[in-house]
Amino acid sequence: MWRKERERFYHGKRQHPLRNFCLSLLLFVCICSAFFSGFERLSDTTRRRQKESLENALWRGVTQYYALEGHYPETLDDLTENCGIQYDKKQFFIDYQIAGANILPDITVIER
């Protein structure tokens, strides 16, 4: 009985019943967004490094092909077959333009 009387005259703040749920949900959304943002940033960095690695491999392959054969490869297929270069054709497009047998080709790697 004493307890009910005391609660009856309590004038302090009462928390809304959904307050803790909303705060928990907000915290969960913030953590998830931070996680996915970091994952996306890591993925972008990986793609950029793959592109740089492919460009370096292509230039090394062109140089090696010229040193062994005495001329630059006529097609991209010649370069990839003879130098063992493999890449994801769905992710990267390689523009290989040759101007002549003894003129350095123009190689451009484009991310799809």
N, C-alpha and C. Protein backbone atom coordinates (compact mmCIF):
# COMPACT_ATOMS: atom_id res chain seq x y z
N MET A 1 0.82 -1.18 0.00
CA MET A 1 0.00 0.00 0.00
C MET A 1 0.88 1.26 0.00
N TRP A 2 1.89 1.23 0.82
CA TRP A 2 2.79 2.37 0.90
C TRP A 2 3.42 2.67 -0.46
N ARG A 3 3.74 1.66 -1.22
CA ARG A 3 4.40 1.81 -2.51
C ARG A 3 3.48 2.49 -3.53
N LYS A 4 2.21 2.12 -3.57
CA LYS A 4 1.28 2.72 -4.52
C LYS A 4 1.08 4.20 -4.24
N GLU A 5 1.04 4.57 -3.01
CA GLU A 5 0.88 5.99 -2.69
C GLU A 5 2.09 6.77 -3.16
N ARG A 6 3.22 6.19 -2.97
CA ARG A 6 4.44 6.87 -3.37
C ARG A 6 4.49 7.04 -4.89
N GLU A 7 4.09 6.02 -5.65
CA GLU A 7 4.09 6.10 -7.11
C GLU A 7 3.02 7.06 -7.61
N ARG A 8 1.97 7.19 -6.85
CA ARG A 8 0.87 8.04 -7.26
C ARG A 8 1.28 9.51 -7.34
N PHE A 9 2.18 9.91 -6.48
CA PHE A 9 2.61 11.30 -6.45
C PHE A 9 3.96 11.53 -7.14
N TYR A 10 4.42 10.54 -7.88
CA TYR A 10 5.70 10.66 -8.60
C TYR A 10 5.52 11.55 -9.81
N HIS A 11 6.32 12.62 -9.90
CA HIS A 11 6.19 13.57 -10.99
C HIS A 11 7.43 13.60 -11.89
N GLY A 12 8.27 12.58 -11.85
CA GLY A 12 9.47 12.54 -12.68
C GLY A 12 9.12 12.18 -14.13
N LYS A 13 10.13 12.24 -14.98
CA LYS A 13 9.93 11.91 -16.39
C LYS A 13 9.76 10.41 -16.54
N ARG A 14 8.84 10.04 -17.36
CA ARG A 14 8.68 8.63 -17.70
C ARG A 14 9.15 8.45 -19.14
N GLN A 15 9.90 7.40 -19.37
CA GLN A 15 10.39 7.13 -20.72
C GLN A 15 9.27 6.57 -21.58
N HIS A 16 9.31 6.99 -22.81
CA HIS A 16 8.34 6.46 -23.76
C HIS A 16 8.67 4.99 -24.01
N PRO A 17 7.68 4.14 -24.15
CA PRO A 17 7.97 2.71 -24.31
C PRO A 17 8.78 2.37 -25.57
N LEU A 18 8.70 3.16 -26.61
CA LEU A 18 9.44 2.87 -27.83
C LEU A 18 10.81 3.54 -27.89
N ARG A 19 11.15 4.30 -26.87
CA ARG A 19 12.41 5.05 -26.89
C ARG A 19 13.62 4.13 -27.02
N ASN A 20 13.70 3.11 -26.19
CA ASN A 20 14.85 2.21 -26.24
C ASN A 20 14.91 1.46 -27.57
N PHE A 21 13.76 1.07 -28.09
CA PHE A 21 13.72 0.37 -29.37
C PHE A 21 14.22 1.28 -30.49
N CYS A 22 13.77 2.52 -30.50
CA CYS A 22 14.20 3.47 -31.55
C CYS A 22 15.69 3.75 -31.46
N LEU A 23 16.20 3.90 -30.25
CA LEU A 23 17.64 4.14 -30.10
C LEU A 23 18.45 2.93 -30.55
N SER A 24 17.99 1.75 -30.22
CA SER A 24 18.68 0.53 -30.65
C SER A 24 18.65 0.39 -32.17
N LEU A 25 17.50 0.69 -32.75
CA LEU A 25 17.37 0.61 -34.20
C LEU A 25 18.27 1.63 -34.88
N LEU A 26 18.33 2.84 -34.36
CA LEU A 26 19.19 3.88 -34.91
C LEU A 26 20.66 3.47 -34.83
N LEU A 27 21.07 2.93 -33.71
CA LEU A 27 22.45 2.47 -33.54
C LEU A 27 22.76 1.34 -34.53
N PHE A 28 21.83 0.42 -34.70
CA PHE A 28 22.02 -0.68 -35.64
C PHE A 28 22.18 -0.17 -37.07
N VAL A 29 21.35 0.78 -37.46
CA VAL A 29 21.42 1.35 -38.81
C VAL A 29 22.75 2.08 -39.01
N CYS A 30 23.21 2.81 -38.01
CA CYS A 30 24.50 3.52 -38.12
C CYS A 30 25.66 2.54 -38.27
N ILE A 31 25.64 1.48 -37.50
CA ILE A 31 26.72 0.48 -37.58
C ILE A 31 26.70 -0.22 -38.93
N CYS A 32 25.51 -0.57 -39.41
CA CYS A 32 25.40 -1.23 -40.72
C CYS A 32 25.87 -0.32 -41.84
N SER A 33 25.50 0.95 -41.79
CA SER A 33 25.91 1.88 -42.85
C SER A 33 27.43 2.09 -42.82
N ALA A 34 28.01 2.15 -41.64
CA ALA A 34 29.47 2.28 -41.54
C ALA A 34 30.16 1.04 -42.10
N PHE A 35 29.62 -0.13 -41.81
CA PHE A 35 30.18 -1.38 -42.31
C PHE A 35 30.13 -1.43 -43.84
N PHE A 36 28.96 -1.13 -44.41
CA PHE A 36 28.82 -1.20 -45.86
C PHE A 36 29.63 -0.11 -46.56
N SER A 37 29.77 1.04 -45.94
CA SER A 37 30.59 2.10 -46.50
C SER A 37 32.06 1.66 -46.55
N GLY A 38 32.53 1.06 -45.48
CA GLY A 38 33.90 0.55 -45.45
C GLY A 38 34.12 -0.56 -46.45
N PHE A 39 33.14 -1.44 -46.58
CA PHE A 39 33.23 -2.54 -47.54
C PHE A 39 33.29 -2.00 -48.97
N GLU A 40 32.48 -1.00 -49.27
CA GLU A 40 32.46 -0.39 -50.60
C GLU A 40 33.79 0.30 -50.89
N ARG A 41 34.35 0.98 -49.91
CA ARG A 41 35.64 1.65 -50.08
C ARG A 41 36.75 0.62 -50.34
N LEU A 42 36.71 -0.49 -49.62
CA LEU A 42 37.69 -1.56 -49.81
C LEU A 42 37.55 -2.16 -51.21
N SER A 43 36.33 -2.34 -51.66
CA SER A 43 36.08 -2.89 -52.99
C SER A 43 36.61 -1.95 -54.08
N ASP A 44 36.40 -0.65 -53.92
CA ASP A 44 36.90 0.32 -54.89
C ASP A 44 38.43 0.31 -54.94
N THR A 45 39.05 0.22 -53.79
CA THR A 45 40.51 0.17 -53.73
C THR A 45 41.04 -1.08 -54.42
N THR A 46 40.37 -2.20 -54.21
CA THR A 46 40.78 -3.45 -54.84
C THR A 46 40.66 -3.37 -56.36
N ARG A 47 39.56 -2.81 -56.85
CA ARG A 47 39.38 -2.66 -58.29
C ARG A 47 40.46 -1.76 -58.90
N ARG A 48 40.77 -0.69 -58.20
CA ARG A 48 41.80 0.24 -58.70
C ARG A 48 43.16 -0.46 -58.77
N ARG A 49 43.48 -1.25 -57.76
CA ARG A 49 44.75 -1.97 -57.76
C ARG A 49 44.79 -3.05 -58.84
N GLN A 50 43.66 -3.70 -59.08
CA GLN A 50 43.60 -4.69 -60.16
C GLN A 50 43.87 -4.04 -61.51
N LYS A 51 43.30 -2.87 -61.70
CA LYS A 51 43.51 -2.14 -62.97
C LYS A 51 44.97 -1.76 -63.13
N GLU A 52 45.58 -1.25 -62.08
CA GLU A 52 47.00 -0.88 -62.14
C GLU A 52 47.87 -2.10 -62.41
N SER A 53 47.55 -3.21 -61.77
CA SER A 53 48.31 -4.44 -61.96
C SER A 53 48.18 -4.94 -63.39
N LEU A 54 46.97 -4.87 -63.95
CA LEU A 54 46.76 -5.29 -65.34
C LEU A 54 47.53 -4.40 -66.30
N GLU A 55 47.51 -3.09 -66.08
CA GLU A 55 48.26 -2.17 -66.94
C GLU A 55 49.75 -2.48 -66.89
N ASN A 56 50.28 -2.70 -65.69
CA ASN A 56 51.71 -3.02 -65.55
C ASN A 56 52.04 -4.34 -66.25
N ALA A 57 51.18 -5.34 -66.10
CA ALA A 57 51.42 -6.63 -66.75
C ALA A 57 51.40 -6.50 -68.27
N LEU A 58 50.48 -5.70 -68.78
CA LEU A 58 50.42 -5.50 -70.24
C LEU A 58 51.68 -4.83 -70.76
N TRP A 59 52.15 -3.79 -70.06
CA TRP A 59 53.36 -3.10 -70.52
C TRP A 59 54.60 -3.99 -70.41
N ARG A 60 54.68 -4.77 -69.34
CA ARG A 60 55.80 -5.72 -69.23
C ARG A 60 55.72 -6.76 -70.34
N GLY A 61 54.51 -7.22 -70.64
CA GLY A 61 54.33 -8.21 -71.71
C GLY A 61 54.71 -7.66 -73.07
N VAL A 62 54.32 -6.42 -73.34
CA VAL A 62 54.68 -5.79 -74.62
C VAL A 62 56.19 -5.67 -74.74
N THR A 63 56.84 -5.25 -73.67
CA THR A 63 58.29 -5.11 -73.68
C THR A 63 58.97 -6.46 -73.86
N GLN A 64 58.50 -7.47 -73.17
CA GLN A 64 59.07 -8.81 -73.29
C GLN A 64 58.86 -9.37 -74.70
N TYR A 65 57.68 -9.19 -75.24
CA TYR A 65 57.37 -9.68 -76.59
C TYR A 65 58.30 -9.01 -77.61
N TYR A 66 58.50 -7.70 -77.47
CA TYR A 66 59.37 -6.98 -78.39
C TYR A 66 60.82 -7.47 -78.27
N ALA A 67 61.25 -7.74 -77.04
CA ALA A 67 62.62 -8.21 -76.83
C ALA A 67 62.84 -9.59 -77.44
N LEU A 68 61.83 -10.45 -77.37
CA LEU A 68 61.98 -11.81 -77.89
C LEU A 68 61.71 -11.92 -79.39
N GLU A 69 60.73 -11.21 -79.89
CA GLU A 69 60.30 -11.36 -81.28
C GLU A 69 60.88 -10.31 -82.22
N GLY A 70 61.25 -9.16 -81.69
CA GLY A 70 61.80 -8.10 -82.54
C GLY A 70 60.74 -7.15 -83.07
N HIS A 71 59.49 -7.38 -82.73
CA HIS A 71 58.41 -6.47 -83.11
C HIS A 71 57.32 -6.57 -82.04
N TYR A 72 56.45 -5.58 -82.05
CA TYR A 72 55.38 -5.57 -81.06
C TYR A 72 54.26 -6.53 -81.48
N PRO A 73 53.51 -7.06 -80.53
CA PRO A 73 52.41 -7.98 -80.89
C PRO A 73 51.36 -7.27 -81.74
N GLU A 74 50.85 -7.98 -82.75
CA GLU A 74 49.89 -7.38 -83.67
C GLU A 74 48.50 -7.24 -83.04
N THR A 75 48.15 -8.17 -82.17
CA THR A 75 46.82 -8.12 -81.54
C THR A 75 46.95 -8.34 -80.04
N LEU A 76 45.90 -8.03 -79.35
CA LEU A 76 45.87 -8.26 -77.90
C LEU A 76 45.91 -9.75 -77.60
N ASP A 77 45.30 -10.55 -78.46
CA ASP A 77 45.32 -12.01 -78.25
C ASP A 77 46.74 -12.56 -78.32
N ASP A 78 47.55 -12.06 -79.26
CA ASP A 78 48.95 -12.49 -79.33
C ASP A 78 49.67 -12.17 -78.02
N LEU A 79 49.42 -11.00 -77.51
CA LEU A 79 50.07 -10.57 -76.27
C LEU A 79 49.64 -11.44 -75.09
N THR A 80 48.35 -11.65 -74.94
CA THR A 80 47.86 -12.42 -73.78
C THR A 80 48.26 -13.88 -73.86
N GLU A 81 48.27 -14.46 -75.08
CA GLU A 81 48.64 -15.87 -75.22
C GLU A 81 50.13 -16.09 -74.98
N ASN A 82 50.97 -15.27 -75.56
CA ASN A 82 52.42 -15.47 -75.46
C ASN A 82 52.97 -15.07 -74.10
N CYS A 83 52.35 -14.12 -73.43
CA CYS A 83 52.88 -13.65 -72.15
C CYS A 83 52.11 -14.20 -70.95
N GLY A 84 51.06 -14.94 -71.21
CA GLY A 84 50.30 -15.56 -70.11
C GLY A 84 49.50 -14.58 -69.28
N ILE A 85 49.05 -13.51 -69.89
CA ILE A 85 48.27 -12.51 -69.16
C ILE A 85 46.81 -12.93 -69.14
N GLN A 86 46.24 -12.98 -67.95
CA GLN A 86 44.83 -13.32 -67.79
C GLN A 86 44.15 -12.19 -67.03
N TYR A 87 42.93 -11.88 -67.44
CA TYR A 87 42.18 -10.81 -66.78
C TYR A 87 40.69 -11.09 -66.91
N ASP A 88 39.91 -10.42 -66.10
CA ASP A 88 38.45 -10.57 -66.11
C ASP A 88 37.88 -9.70 -67.22
N LYS A 89 37.41 -10.33 -68.28
CA LYS A 89 36.91 -9.58 -69.44
C LYS A 89 35.58 -8.91 -69.15
N LYS A 90 34.89 -9.36 -68.12
CA LYS A 90 33.63 -8.72 -67.73
C LYS A 90 33.89 -7.43 -66.95
N GLN A 91 35.04 -7.36 -66.30
CA GLN A 91 35.35 -6.20 -65.46
C GLN A 91 36.18 -5.15 -66.19
N PHE A 92 37.04 -5.58 -67.12
CA PHE A 92 37.93 -4.65 -67.80
C PHE A 92 37.83 -4.79 -69.31
N PHE A 93 37.94 -3.66 -69.99
CA PHE A 93 38.03 -3.63 -71.45
C PHE A 93 39.40 -3.07 -71.79
N ILE A 94 40.11 -3.76 -72.67
CA ILE A 94 41.44 -3.32 -73.08
C ILE A 94 41.37 -2.85 -74.53
N ASP A 95 41.73 -1.60 -74.74
CA ASP A 95 41.81 -1.04 -76.09
C ASP A 95 43.27 -1.11 -76.51
N TYR A 96 43.55 -1.94 -77.51
CA TYR A 96 44.92 -2.16 -77.98
C TYR A 96 45.02 -1.65 -79.41
N GLN A 97 45.73 -0.56 -79.60
CA GLN A 97 45.90 0.05 -80.92
C GLN A 97 47.36 -0.02 -81.32
N ILE A 98 47.62 -0.65 -82.46
CA ILE A 98 48.99 -0.74 -82.95
C ILE A 98 49.13 0.16 -84.17
N ALA A 99 50.23 0.90 -84.22
CA ALA A 99 50.46 1.83 -85.32
C ALA A 99 51.44 1.24 -86.35
N GLY A 100 52.26 0.31 -85.92
CA GLY A 100 53.24 -0.30 -86.82
C GLY A 100 54.01 -1.37 -86.08
N ALA A 101 54.83 -2.12 -86.82
CA ALA A 101 55.55 -3.24 -86.22
C ALA A 101 56.57 -2.78 -85.18
N ASN A 102 57.20 -1.64 -85.42
CA ASN A 102 58.23 -1.16 -84.50
C ASN A 102 57.85 0.11 -83.78
N ILE A 103 56.56 0.39 -83.70
CA ILE A 103 56.07 1.55 -82.97
C ILE A 103 55.29 1.05 -81.76
N LEU A 104 55.60 1.61 -80.62
CA LEU A 104 54.97 1.19 -79.37
C LEU A 104 53.45 1.31 -79.47
N PRO A 105 52.72 0.24 -79.17
CA PRO A 105 51.26 0.31 -79.26
C PRO A 105 50.66 1.16 -78.15
N ASP A 106 49.44 1.61 -78.39
CA ASP A 106 48.70 2.38 -77.39
C ASP A 106 47.78 1.41 -76.66
N ILE A 107 47.97 1.28 -75.36
CA ILE A 107 47.16 0.36 -74.55
C ILE A 107 46.38 1.17 -73.53
N THR A 108 45.07 0.98 -73.53
CA THR A 108 44.20 1.66 -72.58
C THR A 108 43.34 0.61 -71.89
N VAL A 109 43.35 0.62 -70.56
CA VAL A 109 42.52 -0.29 -69.78
C VAL A 109 41.35 0.52 -69.24
N ILE A 110 40.14 0.06 -69.55
CA ILE A 110 38.93 0.76 -69.13
C ILE A 110 38.13 -0.17 -68.23
N GLU A 111 37.72 0.37 -67.10
CA GLU A 111 36.90 -0.40 -66.16
C GLU A 111 35.45 -0.33 -66.60
N ARG A 112 34.82 -1.50 -66.64
CA ARG A 112 33.40 -1.53 -67.06
C ARG A 112 32.49 -1.27 -65.92
